[in-house]
Amino acid sequence: MTKEQNIARVYKMSFTSVYPHYIQKAEKKGRTKEEVDEIIFWLTGYDKDTFQHHLDNKTDFESFFAQAPHFNPNASKITGVICGYRVEEIEEPLMQKVRYLDKLIDELAKGKAMEKILRK
């Protein structure tokens, strides 16, 4: 599978299929679904209702991020390595957004304080 095919595959995955894994990763380390949701809401601008709508409709990653009401401008402060890539150096904008979320969930699972995760 080429890099382009792999990227396209990620974009077409439903957010609903990955969301339980985010929760599971957090809960294994003593964190909560509410904290995962808070991170998603902070990053995307979704609220509980609009987020639930996307879960119910099995929205794919591409649409989930494209339709985000307000992508947080502080996302550019998210740095570090996720899946072998430095998030701040990912050139494909959508993939960078996906990896920003992965990185934040990683930080949550590693016990980082919410204040630091949300770049306050």
PDB file of N, CA and C in Angstrom:
ATOM      1  N   MET A   1       0.852  -1.191   0.000  1.00  0.00           N
ATOM      2  CA  MET A   1       0.000   0.000   0.000  1.00  0.00           C
ATOM      3  C   MET A   1       0.895   1.250   0.000  1.00  0.00           C
ATOM      4  N   THR A   2       0.611   2.165  -0.899  1.00  0.00           N
ATOM      5  CA  THR A   2       1.410   3.386  -0.969  1.00  0.00           C
ATOM      6  C   THR A   2       1.032   4.331   0.172  1.00  0.00           C
ATOM      7  N   LYS A   3       1.876   5.312   0.395  1.00  0.00           N
ATOM      8  CA  LYS A   3       1.599   6.312   1.427  1.00  0.00           C
ATOM      9  C   LYS A   3       0.268   7.014   1.142  1.00  0.00           C
ATOM     10  N   GLU A   4       0.021   7.327  -0.137  1.00  0.00           N
ATOM     11  CA  GLU A   4      -1.215   8.006  -0.530  1.00  0.00           C
ATOM     12  C   GLU A   4      -2.445   7.137  -0.259  1.00  0.00           C
ATOM     13  N   GLN A   5      -2.329   5.842  -0.557  1.00  0.00           N
ATOM     14  CA  GLN A   5      -3.445   4.923  -0.312  1.00  0.00           C
ATOM     15  C   GLN A   5      -3.719   4.806   1.186  1.00  0.00           C
ATOM     16  N   ASN A   6      -2.654   4.767   1.964  1.00  0.00           N
ATOM     17  CA  ASN A   6      -2.793   4.664   3.411  1.00  0.00           C
ATOM     18  C   ASN A   6      -3.480   5.914   3.980  1.00  0.00           C
ATOM     19  N   ILE A   7      -3.077   7.084   3.500  1.00  0.00           N
ATOM     20  CA  ILE A   7      -3.686   8.345   3.941  1.00  0.00           C
ATOM     21  C   ILE A   7      -5.167   8.350   3.573  1.00  0.00           C
ATOM     22  N   ALA A   8      -5.487   7.963   2.342  1.00  0.00           N
ATOM     23  CA  ALA A   8      -6.880   7.931   1.884  1.00  0.00           C
ATOM     24  C   ALA A   8      -7.710   6.970   2.740  1.00  0.00           C
ATOM     25  N   ARG A   9      -7.117   5.852   3.134  1.00  0.00           N
ATOM     26  CA  ARG A   9      -7.811   4.864   3.960  1.00  0.00           C
ATOM     27  C   ARG A   9      -8.148   5.460   5.324  1.00  0.00           C
ATOM     28  N   VAL A  10      -7.200   6.181   5.917  1.00  0.00           N
ATOM     29  CA  VAL A  10      -7.430   6.826   7.220  1.00  0.00           C
ATOM     30  C   VAL A  10      -8.571   7.837   7.103  1.00  0.00           C
ATOM     31  N   TYR A  11      -8.560   8.639   6.061  1.00  0.00           N
ATOM     32  CA  TYR A  11      -9.574   9.685   5.895  1.00  0.00           C
ATOM     33  C   TYR A  11     -10.979   9.119   5.764  1.00  0.00           C
ATOM     34  N   LYS A  12     -11.096   7.917   5.192  1.00  0.00           N
ATOM     35  CA  LYS A  12     -12.413   7.323   4.962  1.00  0.00           C
ATOM     36  C   LYS A  12     -12.896   6.473   6.143  1.00  0.00           C
ATOM     37  N   MET A  13     -12.027   6.254   7.128  1.00  0.00           N
ATOM     38  CA  MET A  13     -12.452   5.505   8.325  1.00  0.00           C
ATOM     39  C   MET A  13     -13.471   6.340   9.086  1.00  0.00           C
ATOM     40  N   SER A  14     -14.459   5.666   9.671  1.00  0.00           N
ATOM     41  CA  SER A  14     -15.431   6.429  10.447  1.00  0.00           C
ATOM     42  C   SER A  14     -14.822   6.806  11.786  1.00  0.00           C
ATOM     43  N   PHE A  15     -15.094   8.025  12.220  1.00  0.00           N
ATOM     44  CA  PHE A  15     -14.598   8.479  13.511  1.00  0.00           C
ATOM     45  C   PHE A  15     -15.143   7.564  14.606  1.00  0.00           C
ATOM     46  N   THR A  16     -16.375   7.102  14.427  1.00  0.00           N
ATOM     47  CA  THR A  16     -17.033   6.219  15.386  1.00  0.00           C
ATOM     48  C   THR A  16     -16.243   4.931  15.615  1.00  0.00           C
ATOM     49  N   SER A  17     -15.551   4.455  14.587  1.00  0.00           N
ATOM     50  CA  SER A  17     -14.799   3.203  14.720  1.00  0.00           C
ATOM     51  C   SER A  17     -13.528   3.379  15.547  1.00  0.00           C
ATOM     52  N   VAL A  18     -13.001   4.590  15.614  1.00  0.00           N
ATOM     53  CA  VAL A  18     -11.748   4.847  16.332  1.00  0.00           C
ATOM     54  C   VAL A  18     -11.997   5.408  17.734  1.00  0.00           C
ATOM     55  N   TYR A  19     -13.087   6.132  17.895  1.00  0.00           N
ATOM     56  CA  TYR A  19     -13.419   6.787  19.168  1.00  0.00           C
ATOM     57  C   TYR A  19     -13.352   5.839  20.374  1.00  0.00           C
ATOM     58  N   PRO A  20     -13.927   4.612  20.293  1.00  0.00           N
ATOM     59  CA  PRO A  20     -13.825   3.719  21.457  1.00  0.00           C
ATOM     60  C   PRO A  20     -12.380   3.383  21.840  1.00  0.00           C
ATOM     61  N   HIS A  21     -11.492   3.371  20.856  1.00  0.00           N
ATOM     62  CA  HIS A  21     -10.074   3.098  21.131  1.00  0.00           C
ATOM     63  C   HIS A  21      -9.431   4.253  21.898  1.00  0.00           C
ATOM     64  N   TYR A  22      -9.826   5.480  21.571  1.00  0.00           N
ATOM     65  CA  TYR A  22      -9.340   6.640  22.334  1.00  0.00           C
ATOM     66  C   TYR A  22      -9.770   6.510  23.797  1.00  0.00           C
ATOM     67  N   ILE A  23     -11.037   6.168  23.990  1.00  0.00           N
ATOM     68  CA  ILE A  23     -11.581   6.027  25.346  1.00  0.00           C
ATOM     69  C   ILE A  23     -10.872   4.898  26.084  1.00  0.00           C
ATOM     70  N   GLN A  24     -10.730   3.767  25.415  1.00  0.00           N
ATOM     71  CA  GLN A  24     -10.074   2.617  26.029  1.00  0.00           C
ATOM     72  C   GLN A  24      -8.642   2.944  26.439  1.00  0.00           C
ATOM     73  N   LYS A  25      -7.923   3.615  25.570  1.00  0.00           N
ATOM     74  CA  LYS A  25      -6.537   3.991  25.866  1.00  0.00           C
ATOM     75  C   LYS A  25      -6.475   4.873  27.110  1.00  0.00           C
ATOM     76  N   ALA A  26      -7.396   5.825  27.208  1.00  0.00           N
ATOM     77  CA  ALA A  26      -7.437   6.735  28.356  1.00  0.00           C
ATOM     78  C   ALA A  26      -7.834   5.985  29.634  1.00  0.00           C
ATOM     79  N   GLU A  27      -8.879   5.170  29.537  1.00  0.00           N
ATOM     80  CA  GLU A  27      -9.392   4.477  30.731  1.00  0.00           C
ATOM     81  C   GLU A  27      -8.404   3.463  31.287  1.00  0.00           C
ATOM     82  N   LYS A  28      -7.599   2.850  30.410  1.00  0.00           N
ATOM     83  CA  LYS A  28      -6.567   1.911  30.864  1.00  0.00           C
ATOM     84  C   LYS A  28      -5.582   2.601  31.804  1.00  0.00           C
ATOM     85  N   LYS A  29      -5.435   3.903  31.631  1.00  0.00           N
ATOM     86  CA  LYS A  29      -4.485   4.675  32.432  1.00  0.00           C
ATOM     87  C   LYS A  29      -5.184   5.521  33.491  1.00  0.00           C
ATOM     88  N   GLY A  30      -6.448   5.186  33.777  1.00  0.00           N
ATOM     89  CA  GLY A  30      -7.152   5.868  34.853  1.00  0.00           C
ATOM     90  C   GLY A  30      -7.767   7.206  34.474  1.00  0.00           C
ATOM     91  N   ARG A  31      -7.843   7.489  33.178  1.00  0.00           N
ATOM     92  CA  ARG A  31      -8.485   8.722  32.726  1.00  0.00           C
ATOM     93  C   ARG A  31      -9.909   8.400  32.298  1.00  0.00           C
ATOM     94  N   THR A  32     -10.679   9.415  31.878  1.00  0.00           N
ATOM     95  CA  THR A  32     -12.106   9.199  31.633  1.00  0.00           C
ATOM     96  C   THR A  32     -12.540   9.538  30.207  1.00  0.00           C
ATOM     97  N   LYS A  33     -13.709   8.990  29.830  1.00  0.00           N
ATOM     98  CA  LYS A  33     -14.348   9.318  28.559  1.00  0.00           C
ATOM     99  C   LYS A  33     -14.612  10.817  28.502  1.00  0.00           C
ATOM    100  N   GLU A  34     -15.011  11.408  29.636  1.00  0.00           N
ATOM    101  CA  GLU A  34     -15.292  12.851  29.678  1.00  0.00           C
ATOM    102  C   GLU A  34     -14.049  13.666  29.338  1.00  0.00           C
ATOM    103  N   GLU A  35     -12.892  13.195  29.776  1.00  0.00           N
ATOM    104  CA  GLU A  35     -11.649  13.901  29.441  1.00  0.00           C
ATOM    105  C   GLU A  35     -11.334  13.761  27.955  1.00  0.00           C
ATOM    106  N   VAL A  36     -11.583  12.581  27.398  1.00  0.00           N
ATOM    107  CA  VAL A  36     -11.389  12.376  25.950  1.00  0.00           C
ATOM    108  C   VAL A  36     -12.308  13.339  25.188  1.00  0.00           C
ATOM    109  N   ASP A  37     -13.573  13.404  25.597  1.00  0.00           N
ATOM    110  CA  ASP A  37     -14.527  14.306  24.943  1.00  0.00           C
ATOM    111  C   ASP A  37     -14.089  15.755  25.065  1.00  0.00           C
ATOM    112  N   GLU A  38     -13.621  16.139  26.242  1.00  0.00           N
ATOM    113  CA  GLU A  38     -13.162  17.529  26.450  1.00  0.00           C
ATOM    114  C   GLU A  38     -12.041  17.875  25.471  1.00  0.00           C
ATOM    115  N   ILE A  39     -11.125  16.940  25.268  1.00  0.00           N
ATOM    116  CA  ILE A  39     -10.024  17.152  24.313  1.00  0.00           C
ATOM    117  C   ILE A  39     -10.575  17.317  22.896  1.00  0.00           C
ATOM    118  N   ILE A  40     -11.492  16.439  22.515  1.00  0.00           N
ATOM    119  CA  ILE A  40     -12.076  16.514  21.162  1.00  0.00           C
ATOM    120  C   ILE A  40     -12.824  17.834  20.978  1.00  0.00           C
ATOM    121  N   PHE A  41     -13.593  18.241  21.976  1.00  0.00           N
ATOM    122  CA  PHE A  41     -14.351  19.494  21.888  1.00  0.00           C
ATOM    123  C   PHE A  41     -13.389  20.686  21.797  1.00  0.00           C
ATOM    124  N   TRP A  42     -12.330  20.661  22.591  1.00  0.00           N
ATOM    125  CA  TRP A  42     -11.337  21.751  22.583  1.00  0.00           C
ATOM    126  C   TRP A  42     -10.687  21.862  21.205  1.00  0.00           C
ATOM    127  N   LEU A  43     -10.314  20.715  20.631  1.00  0.00           N
ATOM    128  CA  LEU A  43      -9.594  20.719  19.360  1.00  0.00           C
ATOM    129  C   LEU A  43     -10.482  21.127  18.191  1.00  0.00           C
ATOM    130  N   THR A  44     -11.739  20.671  18.192  1.00  0.00           N
ATOM    131  CA  THR A  44     -12.590  20.814  17.002  1.00  0.00           C
ATOM    132  C   THR A  44     -13.674  21.883  17.104  1.00  0.00           C
ATOM    133  N   GLY A  45     -14.022  22.267  18.333  1.00  0.00           N
ATOM    134  CA  GLY A  45     -15.126  23.208  18.502  1.00  0.00           C
ATOM    135  C   GLY A  45     -16.494  22.544  18.548  1.00  0.00           C
ATOM    136  N   TYR A  46     -16.541  21.213  18.428  1.00  0.00           N
ATOM    137  CA  TYR A  46     -17.822  20.517  18.558  1.00  0.00           C
ATOM    138  C   TYR A  46     -18.317  20.626  19.996  1.00  0.00           C
ATOM    139  N   ASP A  47     -19.635  20.543  20.151  1.00  0.00           N
ATOM    140  CA  ASP A  47     -20.211  20.418  21.488  1.00  0.00           C
ATOM    141  C   ASP A  47     -20.809  19.014  21.573  1.00  0.00           C
ATOM    142  N   LYS A  48     -21.391  18.699  22.714  1.00  0.00           N
ATOM    143  CA  LYS A  48     -21.891  17.339  22.943  1.00  0.00           C
ATOM    144  C   LYS A  48     -22.878  16.899  21.859  1.00  0.00           C
ATOM    145  N   ASP A  49     -23.811  17.772  21.484  1.00  0.00           N
ATOM    146  CA  ASP A  49     -24.848  17.412  20.506  1.00  0.00           C
ATOM    147  C   ASP A  49     -24.294  17.232  19.097  1.00  0.00           C
ATOM    148  N   THR A  50     -23.471  18.183  18.649  1.00  0.00           N
ATOM    149  CA  THR A  50     -22.936  18.076  17.287  1.00  0.00           C
ATOM    150  C   THR A  50     -21.977  16.884  17.187  1.00  0.00           C
ATOM    151  N   PHE A  51     -21.242  16.631  18.259  1.00  0.00           N
ATOM    152  CA  PHE A  51     -20.338  15.489  18.285  1.00  0.00           C
ATOM    153  C   PHE A  51     -21.141  14.186  18.203  1.00  0.00           C
ATOM    154  N   GLN A  52     -22.198  14.087  18.986  1.00  0.00           N
ATOM    155  CA  GLN A  52     -23.042  12.891  18.980  1.00  0.00           C
ATOM    156  C   GLN A  52     -23.644  12.651  17.595  1.00  0.00           C
ATOM    157  N   HIS A  53     -24.019  13.729  16.922  1.00  0.00           N
ATOM    158  CA  HIS A  53     -24.550  13.643  15.564  1.00  0.00           C
ATOM    159  C   HIS A  53     -23.535  12.941  14.645  1.00  0.00           C
ATOM    160  N   HIS A  54     -22.262  13.324  14.757  1.00  0.00           N
ATOM    161  CA  HIS A  54     -21.225  12.707  13.920  1.00  0.00           C
ATOM    162  C   HIS A  54     -21.008  11.243  14.287  1.00  0.00           C
ATOM    163  N   LEU A  55     -21.089  10.935  15.576  1.00  0.00           N
ATOM    164  CA  LEU A  55     -20.962   9.527  15.989  1.00  0.00           C
ATOM    165  C   LEU A  55     -22.118   8.703  15.434  1.00  0.00           C
ATOM    166  N   ASP A  56     -23.333   9.233  15.583  1.00  0.00           N
ATOM    167  CA  ASP A  56     -24.532   8.523  15.110  1.00  0.00           C
ATOM    168  C   ASP A  56     -24.509   8.289  13.596  1.00  0.00           C
ATOM    169  N   ASN A  57     -23.963   9.260  12.866  1.00  0.00           N
ATOM    170  CA  ASN A  57     -23.940   9.173  11.401  1.00  0.00           C
ATOM    171  C   ASN A  57     -22.677   8.521  10.846  1.00  0.00           C
ATOM    172  N   LYS A  58     -21.823   8.043  11.743  1.00  0.00           N
ATOM    173  CA  LYS A  58     -20.576   7.369  11.344  1.00  0.00           C
ATOM    174  C   LYS A  58     -19.760   8.216  10.357  1.00  0.00           C
ATOM    175  N   THR A  59     -19.638   9.474  10.682  1.00  0.00           N
ATOM    176  CA  THR A  59     -18.883  10.422   9.852  1.00  0.00           C
ATOM    177  C   THR A  59     -17.429   9.965   9.711  1.00  0.00           C
ATOM    178  N   ASP A  60     -16.889  10.067   8.503  1.00  0.00           N
ATOM    179  CA  ASP A  60     -15.484   9.695   8.310  1.00  0.00           C
ATOM    180  C   ASP A  60     -14.566  10.808   8.827  1.00  0.00           C
ATOM    181  N   PHE A  61     -13.297  10.464   9.016  1.00  0.00           N
ATOM    182  CA  PHE A  61     -12.334  11.428   9.567  1.00  0.00           C
ATOM    183  C   PHE A  61     -12.260  12.700   8.729  1.00  0.00           C
ATOM    184  N   GLU A  62     -12.252  12.526   7.409  1.00  0.00           N
ATOM    185  CA  GLU A  62     -12.143  13.683   6.517  1.00  0.00           C
ATOM    186  C   GLU A  62     -13.286  14.667   6.766  1.00  0.00           C
ATOM    187  N   SER A  63     -14.512  14.174   6.799  1.00  0.00           N
ATOM    188  CA  SER A  63     -15.677  15.038   7.030  1.00  0.00           C
ATOM    189  C   SER A  63     -15.708  15.560   8.467  1.00  0.00           C
ATOM    190  N   PHE A  64     -15.317  14.709   9.405  1.00  0.00           N
ATOM    191  CA  PHE A  64     -15.320  15.104  10.818  1.00  0.00           C
ATOM    192  C   PHE A  64     -14.470  16.351  11.033  1.00  0.00           C
ATOM    193  N   PHE A  65     -13.279  16.365  10.463  1.00  0.00           N
ATOM    194  CA  PHE A  65     -12.408  17.531  10.635  1.00  0.00           C
ATOM    195  C   PHE A  65     -12.806  18.679   9.703  1.00  0.00           C
ATOM    196  N   ALA A  66     -13.277  18.363   8.499  1.00  0.00           N
ATOM    197  CA  ALA A  66     -13.693  19.411   7.560  1.00  0.00           C
ATOM    198  C   ALA A  66     -14.888  20.197   8.105  1.00  0.00           C
ATOM    199  N   GLN A  67     -15.771  19.520   8.837  1.00  0.00           N
ATOM    200  CA  GLN A  67     -16.981  20.157   9.352  1.00  0.00           C
ATOM    201  C   GLN A  67     -16.811  20.711  10.772  1.00  0.00           C
ATOM    202  N   ALA A  68     -15.610  20.583  11.322  1.00  0.00           N
ATOM    203  CA  ALA A  68     -15.376  21.077  12.689  1.00  0.00           C
ATOM    204  C   ALA A  68     -15.720  22.566  12.758  1.00  0.00           C
ATOM    205  N   PRO A  69     -16.550  22.950  13.729  1.00  0.00           N
ATOM    206  CA  PRO A  69     -17.003  24.335  13.817  1.00  0.00           C
ATOM    207  C   PRO A  69     -15.873  25.347  14.020  1.00  0.00           C
ATOM    208  N   HIS A  70     -14.852  24.940  14.782  1.00  0.00           N
ATOM    209  CA  HIS A  70     -13.788  25.890  15.114  1.00  0.00           C
ATOM    210  C   HIS A  70     -12.549  25.101  15.502  1.00  0.00           C
ATOM    211  N   PHE A  71     -11.650  24.884  14.541  1.00  0.00           N
ATOM    212  CA  PHE A  71     -10.431  24.164  14.876  1.00  0.00           C
ATOM    213  C   PHE A  71      -9.570  25.081  15.734  1.00  0.00           C
ATOM    214  N   ASN A  72      -9.169  24.590  16.893  1.00  0.00           N
ATOM    215  CA  ASN A  72      -8.491  25.433  17.879  1.00  0.00           C
ATOM    216  C   ASN A  72      -7.168  25.993  17.344  1.00  0.00           C
ATOM    217  N   PRO A  73      -7.018  27.334  17.371  1.00  0.00           N
ATOM    218  CA  PRO A  73      -5.776  27.938  16.873  1.00  0.00           C
ATOM    219  C   PRO A  73      -4.552  27.536  17.709  1.00  0.00           C
ATOM    220  N   ASN A  74      -4.771  27.110  18.953  1.00  0.00           N
ATOM    221  CA  ASN A  74      -3.651  26.675  19.783  1.00  0.00           C
ATOM    222  C   ASN A  74      -3.165  25.273  19.428  1.00  0.00           C
ATOM    223  N   ALA A  75      -3.818  24.629  18.479  1.00  0.00           N
ATOM    224  CA  ALA A  75      -3.366  23.306  18.043  1.00  0.00           C
ATOM    225  C   ALA A  75      -1.930  23.372  17.530  1.00  0.00           C
ATOM    226  N   SER A  76      -1.543  24.515  16.993  1.00  0.00           N
ATOM    227  CA  SER A  76      -0.172  24.652  16.483  1.00  0.00           C
ATOM    228  C   SER A  76       0.871  24.539  17.598  1.00  0.00           C
ATOM    229  N   LYS A  77       0.432  24.625  18.852  1.00  0.00           N
ATOM    230  CA  LYS A  77       1.345  24.467  19.992  1.00  0.00           C
ATOM    231  C   LYS A  77       1.582  22.994  20.334  1.00  0.00           C
ATOM    232  N   ILE A  78       0.851  22.098  19.662  1.00  0.00           N
ATOM    233  CA  ILE A  78       1.018  20.667  19.911  1.00  0.00           C
ATOM    234  C   ILE A  78       2.258  20.212  19.142  1.00  0.00           C
ATOM    235  N   THR A  79       3.212  19.672  19.872  1.00  0.00           N
ATOM    236  CA  THR A  79       4.452  19.210  19.257  1.00  0.00           C
ATOM    237  C   THR A  79       4.806  17.831  19.790  1.00  0.00           C
ATOM    238  N   GLY A  80       5.708  17.190  19.107  1.00  0.00           N
ATOM    239  CA  GLY A  80       6.172  15.885  19.555  1.00  0.00           C
ATOM    240  C   GLY A  80       5.963  14.826  18.500  1.00  0.00           C
ATOM    241  N   VAL A  81       6.307  13.591  18.868  1.00  0.00           N
ATOM    242  CA  VAL A  81       6.273  12.484  17.923  1.00  0.00           C
ATOM    243  C   VAL A  81       5.061  11.598  18.195  1.00  0.00           C
ATOM    244  N   ILE A  82       4.359  11.257  17.127  1.00  0.00           N
ATOM    245  CA  ILE A  82       3.262  10.291  17.206  1.00  0.00           C
ATOM    246  C   ILE A  82       3.355   9.411  15.960  1.00  0.00           C
ATOM    247  N   CYS A  83       3.290   8.116  16.158  1.00  0.00           N
ATOM    248  CA  CYS A  83       3.395   7.156  15.046  1.00  0.00           C
ATOM    249  C   CYS A  83       4.656   7.387  14.205  1.00  0.00           C
ATOM    250  N   GLY A  84       5.722   7.798  14.854  1.00  0.00           N
ATOM    251  CA  GLY A  84       6.994   7.988  14.160  1.00  0.00           C
ATOM    252  C   GLY A  84       7.151   9.301  13.412  1.00  0.00           C
ATOM    253  N   TYR A  85       6.161  10.183  13.521  1.00  0.00           N
ATOM    254  CA  TYR A  85       6.225  11.473  12.825  1.00  0.00           C
ATOM    255  C   TYR A  85       6.142  12.619  13.824  1.00  0.00           C
ATOM    256  N   ARG A  86       6.889  13.679  13.562  1.00  0.00           N
ATOM    257  CA  ARG A  86       6.770  14.893  14.374  1.00  0.00           C
ATOM    258  C   ARG A  86       5.496  15.601  13.906  1.00  0.00           C
ATOM    259  N   VAL A  87       4.529  15.798  14.804  1.00  0.00           N
ATOM    260  CA  VAL A  87       3.239  16.361  14.386  1.00  0.00           C
ATOM    261  C   VAL A  87       3.385  17.740  13.774  1.00  0.00           C
ATOM    262  N   GLU A  88       4.327  18.517  14.284  1.00  0.00           N
ATOM    263  CA  GLU A  88       4.484  19.884  13.777  1.00  0.00           C
ATOM    264  C   GLU A  88       5.089  19.917  12.371  1.00  0.00           C
ATOM    265  N   GLU A  89       5.604  18.778  11.892  1.00  0.00           N
ATOM    266  CA  GLU A  89       6.228  18.733  10.560  1.00  0.00           C
ATOM    267  C   GLU A  89       5.370  18.032   9.511  1.00  0.00           C
ATOM    268  N   ILE A  90       4.201  17.546   9.898  1.00  0.00           N
ATOM    269  CA  ILE A  90       3.324  16.862   8.941  1.00  0.00           C
ATOM    270  C   ILE A  90       2.756  17.914   7.984  1.00  0.00           C
ATOM    271  N   GLU A  91       2.991  17.706   6.693  1.00  0.00           N
ATOM    272  CA  GLU A  91       2.615  18.720   5.703  1.00  0.00           C
ATOM    273  C   GLU A  91       1.163  18.628   5.256  1.00  0.00           C
ATOM    274  N   GLU A  92       0.604  17.435   5.228  1.00  0.00           N
ATOM    275  CA  GLU A  92      -0.782  17.243   4.795  1.00  0.00           C
ATOM    276  C   GLU A  92      -1.696  17.751   5.926  1.00  0.00           C
ATOM    277  N   PRO A  93      -2.445  18.838   5.697  1.00  0.00           N
ATOM    278  CA  PRO A  93      -3.218  19.481   6.782  1.00  0.00           C
ATOM    279  C   PRO A  93      -4.199  18.566   7.513  1.00  0.00           C
ATOM    280  N   LEU A  94      -4.918  17.730   6.776  1.00  0.00           N
ATOM    281  CA  LEU A  94      -5.885  16.856   7.431  1.00  0.00           C
ATOM    282  C   LEU A  94      -5.180  15.798   8.281  1.00  0.00           C
ATOM    283  N   MET A  95      -4.120  15.205   7.737  1.00  0.00           N
ATOM    284  CA  MET A  95      -3.378  14.201   8.503  1.00  0.00           C
ATOM    285  C   MET A  95      -2.780  14.835   9.759  1.00  0.00           C
ATOM    286  N   GLN A  96      -2.355  16.075   9.659  1.00  0.00           N
ATOM    287  CA  GLN A  96      -1.818  16.757  10.831  1.00  0.00           C
ATOM    288  C   GLN A  96      -2.897  16.900  11.910  1.00  0.00           C
ATOM    289  N   LYS A  97      -4.121  17.215  11.514  1.00  0.00           N
ATOM    290  CA  LYS A  97      -5.223  17.338  12.476  1.00  0.00           C
ATOM    291  C   LYS A  97      -5.508  16.001  13.151  1.00  0.00           C
ATOM    292  N   VAL A  98      -5.509  14.928  12.357  1.00  0.00           N
ATOM    293  CA  VAL A  98      -5.730  13.581  12.906  1.00  0.00           C
ATOM    294  C   VAL A  98      -4.636  13.266  13.924  1.00  0.00           C
ATOM    295  N   ARG A  99      -3.399  13.561  13.576  1.00  0.00           N
ATOM    296  CA  ARG A  99      -2.268  13.264  14.458  1.00  0.00           C
ATOM    297  C   ARG A  99      -2.240  14.183  15.688  1.00  0.00           C
ATOM    298  N   TYR A 100      -2.719  15.412  15.540  1.00  0.00           N
ATOM    299  CA  TYR A 100      -2.853  16.274  16.720  1.00  0.00           C
ATOM    300  C   TYR A 100      -3.749  15.590  17.746  1.00  0.00           C
ATOM    301  N   LEU A 101      -4.873  15.074  17.284  1.00  0.00           N
ATOM    302  CA  LEU A 101      -5.799  14.401  18.193  1.00  0.00           C
ATOM    303  C   LEU A 101      -5.142  13.164  18.804  1.00  0.00           C
ATOM    304  N   ASP A 102      -4.455  12.376  17.988  1.00  0.00           N
ATOM    305  CA  ASP A 102      -3.742  11.203  18.508  1.00  0.00           C
ATOM    306  C   ASP A 102      -2.755  11.607  19.599  1.00  0.00           C
ATOM    307  N   LYS A 103      -2.031  12.677  19.359  1.00  0.00           N
ATOM    308  CA  LYS A 103      -1.016  13.150  20.311  1.00  0.00           C
ATOM    309  C   LYS A 103      -1.667  13.580  21.625  1.00  0.00           C
ATOM    310  N   LEU A 104      -2.792  14.295  21.540  1.00  0.00           N
ATOM    311  CA  LEU A 104      -3.477  14.744  22.762  1.00  0.00           C
ATOM    312  C   LEU A 104      -3.984  13.558  23.575  1.00  0.00           C
ATOM    313  N   ILE A 105      -4.526  12.554  22.904  1.00  0.00           N
ATOM    314  CA  ILE A 105      -5.005  11.358  23.600  1.00  0.00           C
ATOM    315  C   ILE A 105      -3.819  10.627  24.237  1.00  0.00           C
ATOM    316  N   ASP A 106      -2.711  10.603  23.543  1.00  0.00           N
ATOM    317  CA  ASP A 106      -1.475  10.021  24.084  1.00  0.00           C
ATOM    318  C   ASP A 106      -1.047  10.733  25.368  1.00  0.00           C
ATOM    319  N   GLU A 107      -1.071  12.050  25.321  1.00  0.00           N
ATOM    320  CA  GLU A 107      -0.680  12.840  26.497  1.00  0.00           C
ATOM    321  C   GLU A 107      -1.618  12.567  27.666  1.00  0.00           C
ATOM    322  N   LEU A 108      -2.905  12.427  27.383  1.00  0.00           N
ATOM    323  CA  LEU A 108      -3.883  12.111  28.423  1.00  0.00           C
ATOM    324  C   LEU A 108      -3.536  10.762  29.056  1.00  0.00           C
ATOM    325  N   ALA A 109      -3.282   9.771  28.216  1.00  0.00           N
ATOM    326  CA  ALA A 109      -2.968   8.426  28.703  1.00  0.00           C
ATOM    327  C   ALA A 109      -1.660   8.394  29.486  1.00  0.00           C
ATOM    328  N   LYS A 110      -0.771   9.319  29.190  1.00  0.00           N
ATOM    329  CA  LYS A 110       0.515   9.360  29.899  1.00  0.00           C
ATOM    330  C   LYS A 110       0.427  10.147  31.207  1.00  0.00           C
ATOM    331  N   GLY A 111      -0.782  10.618  31.534  1.00  0.00           N
ATOM    332  CA  GLY A 111      -0.974  11.262  32.827  1.00  0.00           C
ATOM    333  C   GLY A 111      -0.749  12.764  32.872  1.00  0.00           C
ATOM    334  N   LYS A 112      -0.594  13.379  31.726  1.00  0.00           N
ATOM    335  CA  LYS A 112      -0.398  14.828  31.684  1.00  0.00           C
ATOM    336  C   LYS A 112      -1.644  15.549  32.203  1.00  0.00           C
ATOM    337  N   ALA A 113      -1.463  16.668  32.847  1.00  0.00           N
ATOM    338  CA  ALA A 113      -2.574  17.452  33.366  1.00  0.00           C
ATOM    339  C   ALA A 113      -3.381  18.037  32.211  1.00  0.00           C
ATOM    340  N   MET A 114      -4.720  18.074  32.374  1.00  0.00           N
ATOM    341  CA  MET A 114      -5.600  18.612  31.312  1.00  0.00           C
ATOM    342  C   MET A 114      -5.194  20.036  30.930  1.00  0.00           C
ATOM    343  N   GLU A 115      -4.814  20.826  31.896  1.00  0.00           N
ATOM    344  CA  GLU A 115      -4.391  22.205  31.633  1.00  0.00           C
ATOM    345  C   GLU A 115      -3.262  22.252  30.616  1.00  0.00           C
ATOM    346  N   LYS A 116      -2.297  21.337  30.748  1.00  0.00           N
ATOM    347  CA  LYS A 116      -1.175  21.290  29.819  1.00  0.00           C
ATOM    348  C   LYS A 116      -1.610  20.710  28.468  1.00  0.00           C
ATOM    349  N   ILE A 117      -2.446  19.658  28.508  1.00  0.00           N
ATOM    350  CA  ILE A 117      -2.929  19.042  27.267  1.00  0.00           C
ATOM    351  C   ILE A 117      -3.662  20.068  26.418  1.00  0.00           C
ATOM    352  N   LEU A 118      -4.473  20.896  27.074  1.00  0.00           N
ATOM    353  CA  LEU A 118      -5.280  21.892  26.350  1.00  0.00           C
ATOM    354  C   LEU A 118      -4.519  23.194  26.111  1.00  0.00           C
ATOM    355  N   ARG A 119      -3.218  23.132  26.326  1.00  0.00           N
ATOM    356  CA  ARG A 119      -2.312  24.255  26.006  1.00  0.00           C
ATOM    357  C   ARG A 119      -2.781  25.571  26.629  1.00  0.00           C
ATOM    358  N   LYS A 120      -3.123  25.530  27.921  1.00  0.00           N
ATOM    359  CA  LYS A 120      -3.585  26.756  28.606  1.00  0.00           C
ATOM    360  C   LYS A 120      -2.412  27.487  29.236  1.00  0.00           C
TER     361      LYS A 120
END
